[in-house]
Amino acid sequence: NMIRAMHPSKAVLALLALTVASATAAPVSTPLTAVGTGPREALASAPLSGLSAAADLATDQVTIIDIRGSVTRTITRAEIQALVPWMSLGPVGDGPSALAFSDSGRLLFIAVHDAA
């Protein structure tokens, strides 16, 4: 055996070189799971946590999805309305219009507009 005949430190380096040479990675793209009923007004993703968010314009909801496609949280129209009581959110043309995550995914920023 060639590795056994080598000096122990050279054998470790040879095994390390073989391991590194055989380990390759490539991005794997998967489609976003459809959540909600209406068109998507905005999408956001957090690269470090694997979270994604989608704003549904028809229902004024924001759905947060983990890397496996499971819904982790839904922010409803009523929850958004409680934070912006001066807006009159309805089913046509207003609600969440832009989303942005922090890199870590701990913060989700939601821009909300009112068509009135």
Protein backbone atom coordinates (compact mmCIF):
# COMPACT_ATOMS: atom_id res chain seq x y z
CA ASN A 1 0.00 0.00 0.00
CA MET A 2 1.48 3.32 -1.11
CA ILE A 3 0.10 5.42 1.76
CA ARG A 4 1.37 2.96 4.38
CA ALA A 5 4.91 3.24 3.00
CA MET A 6 4.88 7.04 3.32
CA HIS A 7 5.89 9.05 6.34
CA PRO A 8 2.80 9.46 8.61
CA SER A 9 2.54 13.23 8.04
CA LYS A 10 2.79 12.76 4.26
CA ALA A 11 0.09 10.07 4.43
CA VAL A 12 -2.25 12.46 6.24
CA LEU A 13 -1.57 15.16 3.64
CA ALA A 14 -2.22 12.68 0.83
CA LEU A 15 -5.54 11.62 2.38
CA LEU A 16 -6.48 15.26 2.94
CA ALA A 17 -5.69 16.08 -0.70
CA LEU A 18 -7.82 13.14 -1.87
CA THR A 19 -10.71 14.22 0.37
CA VAL A 20 -10.59 17.85 -0.75
CA ALA A 21 -10.33 16.91 -4.41
CA SER A 22 -13.41 14.69 -4.22
CA ALA A 23 -15.61 17.14 -2.25
CA THR A 24 -17.43 19.48 -4.61
CA ALA A 25 -20.60 21.49 -4.14
CA ALA A 26 -22.99 23.31 -6.40
CA PRO A 27 -26.11 25.39 -5.78
CA VAL A 28 -29.37 23.49 -5.79
CA SER A 29 -32.33 25.55 -6.93
CA THR A 30 -35.86 24.62 -5.98
CA PRO A 31 -39.10 26.44 -6.78
CA LEU A 32 -40.81 28.43 -4.04
CA THR A 33 -43.79 26.52 -2.68
CA ALA A 34 -47.03 28.31 -3.55
CA VAL A 35 -48.59 29.82 -0.46
CA GLY A 36 -51.78 31.86 -0.42
CA THR A 37 -54.29 32.52 -3.14
CA GLY A 38 -53.29 35.74 -4.85
CA PRO A 39 -50.38 37.11 -6.83
CA ARG A 40 -47.08 37.70 -5.07
CA GLU A 41 -46.35 41.37 -4.64
CA ALA A 42 -42.96 40.83 -2.98
CA LEU A 43 -40.48 38.10 -2.12
CA ALA A 44 -37.47 38.15 0.22
CA SER A 45 -34.94 35.63 1.48
CA ALA A 46 -32.39 35.48 4.28
CA PRO A 47 -29.21 33.81 3.01
CA LEU A 48 -27.85 32.76 6.42
CA SER A 49 -31.02 31.33 7.96
CA GLY A 50 -32.66 29.80 4.89
CA LEU A 51 -35.92 31.69 5.42
CA SER A 52 -38.05 33.13 2.64
CA ALA A 53 -41.08 35.42 2.80
CA ALA A 54 -43.85 36.08 0.30
CA ALA A 55 -46.44 38.86 0.39
CA ASP A 56 -49.87 37.91 -0.93
CA LEU A 57 -51.52 41.00 -2.43
CA ALA A 58 -55.07 39.56 -2.45
CA THR A 59 -55.17 38.72 1.27
CA ASP A 60 -52.59 41.25 2.59
CA GLN A 61 -50.69 38.40 4.26
CA VAL A 62 -46.98 37.77 4.59
CA THR A 63 -45.98 34.11 4.80
CA ILE A 64 -42.58 33.07 6.14
CA ILE A 65 -41.24 29.76 4.84
CA ASP A 66 -38.21 27.78 6.05
CA ILE A 67 -35.63 26.05 3.86
CA ARG A 68 -37.74 22.85 3.71
CA GLY A 69 -40.77 24.77 2.38
CA SER A 70 -42.70 24.58 5.65
CA VAL A 71 -44.70 27.63 6.70
CA THR A 72 -43.19 28.92 9.95
CA ARG A 73 -45.36 32.03 10.39
CA THR A 74 -48.14 33.93 8.67
CA ILE A 75 -48.63 37.63 9.35
CA THR A 76 -52.27 38.45 8.68
CA ARG A 77 -54.01 41.62 7.50
CA ALA A 78 -55.37 42.15 11.03
CA GLU A 79 -51.85 42.03 12.52
CA ILE A 80 -50.56 44.51 9.94
CA GLN A 81 -53.61 46.76 10.42
CA ALA A 82 -52.99 46.83 14.20
CA LEU A 83 -49.49 48.26 13.57
CA VAL A 84 -50.69 50.91 11.06
CA PRO A 85 -54.20 51.89 12.26
CA TRP A 86 -54.27 55.05 10.09
CA MET A 87 -54.26 52.92 6.92
CA SER A 88 -57.41 51.34 5.49
CA LEU A 89 -56.21 48.04 4.09
CA GLY A 90 -58.66 46.36 1.77
CA PRO A 91 -58.73 43.57 -0.81
CA VAL A 92 -57.74 45.74 -3.77
CA GLY A 93 -54.31 47.25 -4.37
CA ASP A 94 -52.99 47.91 -0.90
CA GLY A 95 -51.10 46.05 1.80
CA PRO A 96 -47.55 44.68 1.94
CA SER A 97 -45.65 45.81 -1.15
CA ALA A 98 -41.97 45.15 -0.35
CA LEU A 99 -40.09 42.75 1.91
CA ALA A 100 -36.49 42.58 3.10
CA PHE A 101 -34.75 40.28 5.57
CA SER A 102 -31.62 41.04 7.53
CA ASP A 103 -28.76 38.68 6.59
CA SER A 104 -29.34 36.56 9.69
CA GLY A 105 -33.09 36.31 9.09
CA ARG A 106 -33.89 37.64 12.56
CA LEU A 107 -35.53 40.80 11.18
CA LEU A 108 -38.14 41.07 8.43
CA PHE A 109 -38.91 44.55 7.11
CA ILE A 110 -42.33 45.02 5.51
CA ALA A 111 -43.29 48.09 3.46
CA VAL A 112 -47.06 48.63 3.48
CA HIS A 113 -48.97 50.99 1.19
CA ASP A 114 -52.52 52.24 1.19
CA ALA A 115 -54.26 52.83 -2.15
CA ALA A 116 -56.63 55.42 -0.64
